[in-house]
Amino acid sequence: MDDQITMYSTSWCGYCRRLKSQLEREGIGFAEVNIEQVPEAADYVMSVNGGNQTVPTVVVVAPGGEKVAMTNPSLAQVKQAAGI
C-alpha cells in the first residue's frame, strides 16, 4: 500500500508528525517525501495548494485509480479516500 498513499511533509511540521504516527499506529503503509529535500516535490505541493507549500499534503490513489490530493487531512479522510 506504500504506493497508494504519499505524504508530502517537512521535518518540523507537527501536523505531519501526528498524521504519520496515526497512519503507523493503524498499520497503514505510506511513502513520505520531505519537500525541503526534494525540490520537485515542493513544486508539486504548490501546484495542488494554490502556490503554497502546505503540509501535510497527502495524495491517495483511490480504488478506481484516480489520484486524490488532500491538504492536512484527518486519518479518517485518508482512510476513506483509500477505501480502507
Protein backbone atom coordinates (compact mmCIF):
# COMPACT_ATOMS: atom_id res chain seq x y z
CA MET A 1 0.00 0.00 0.00
CA ASP A 2 3.05 2.28 0.21
CA ASP A 3 2.45 3.20 -3.43
CA GLN A 4 -1.21 4.05 -2.73
CA ILE A 5 -0.59 6.83 -0.18
CA THR A 6 2.09 9.51 -0.41
CA MET A 7 2.53 12.12 2.30
CA TYR A 8 4.45 15.27 1.48
CA SER A 9 5.91 16.72 4.65
CA THR A 10 8.71 18.66 6.31
CA SER A 11 10.89 17.67 9.23
CA TRP A 12 9.46 20.40 11.51
CA CYS A 13 5.72 20.01 10.78
CA GLY A 14 3.75 18.91 13.85
CA TYR A 15 0.66 18.07 11.78
CA CYS A 16 2.83 15.83 9.60
CA ARG A 17 4.24 14.00 12.64
CA ARG A 18 0.75 13.49 14.05
CA LEU A 19 -0.69 12.08 10.81
CA LYS A 20 2.40 9.90 10.31
CA SER A 21 2.05 8.40 13.79
CA GLN A 22 -1.68 7.80 13.26
CA LEU A 23 -1.04 6.01 9.96
CA GLU A 24 1.69 3.89 11.55
CA ARG A 25 -0.50 3.05 14.55
CA GLU A 26 -3.24 1.87 12.16
CA GLY A 27 -0.72 -0.22 10.19
CA ILE A 28 -1.32 1.80 7.02
CA GLY A 29 1.69 1.92 4.74
CA PHE A 30 2.67 5.14 3.02
CA ALA A 31 5.56 6.83 1.29
CA GLU A 32 6.85 10.05 2.83
CA VAL A 33 8.52 12.79 0.78
CA ASN A 34 10.22 15.71 2.52
CA ILE A 35 9.61 18.78 0.35
CA GLU A 36 12.66 20.51 1.83
CA GLN A 37 14.89 17.80 0.39
CA VAL A 38 13.09 17.18 -2.92
CA PRO A 39 12.53 20.45 -4.85
CA GLU A 40 10.21 18.88 -7.43
CA ALA A 41 8.02 17.61 -4.60
CA ALA A 42 7.75 21.17 -3.24
CA ASP A 43 6.70 22.28 -6.73
CA TYR A 44 4.01 19.59 -6.82
CA VAL A 45 2.70 20.57 -3.38
CA MET A 46 2.48 24.19 -4.51
CA SER A 47 0.62 23.13 -7.67
CA VAL A 48 -2.18 21.48 -5.65
CA ASN A 49 -2.29 24.13 -2.90
CA GLY A 50 -2.72 27.39 -4.77
CA GLY A 51 1.00 28.19 -4.75
CA ASN A 52 1.50 27.38 -1.05
CA GLN A 53 3.85 24.77 0.40
CA THR A 54 1.20 23.48 2.80
CA VAL A 55 1.98 20.20 4.52
CA PRO A 56 0.96 17.58 5.11
CA THR A 57 -0.32 17.20 1.59
CA VAL A 58 -1.44 13.63 1.04
CA VAL A 59 -2.01 12.02 -2.34
CA VAL A 60 -4.05 8.83 -2.38
CA VAL A 61 -4.59 6.57 -5.35
CA ALA A 62 -8.28 5.74 -4.88
CA PRO A 63 -9.59 2.23 -5.57
CA GLY A 64 -10.68 3.29 -9.09
CA GLY A 65 -7.17 4.58 -9.88
CA GLU A 66 -7.97 8.28 -9.50
CA LYS A 67 -5.40 10.37 -7.61
CA VAL A 68 -6.89 12.43 -4.78
CA ALA A 69 -4.80 15.23 -3.22
CA MET A 70 -5.75 16.42 0.27
CA THR A 71 -4.28 19.19 2.39
CA ASN A 72 -3.87 18.48 6.11
CA PRO A 73 -6.39 15.61 6.05
CA SER A 74 -7.57 13.66 9.04
CA LEU A 75 -6.81 9.96 9.36
CA ALA A 76 -10.48 9.27 8.59
CA GLN A 77 -10.28 11.27 5.35
CA VAL A 78 -7.17 9.39 4.22
CA LYS A 79 -8.77 6.03 5.00
CA GLN A 80 -11.98 6.98 3.18
CA ALA A 81 -10.11 8.15 0.07
CA ALA A 82 -8.02 4.97 0.06
CA GLY A 83 -11.04 2.73 0.55
CA ILE A 84 -9.72 1.34 3.84
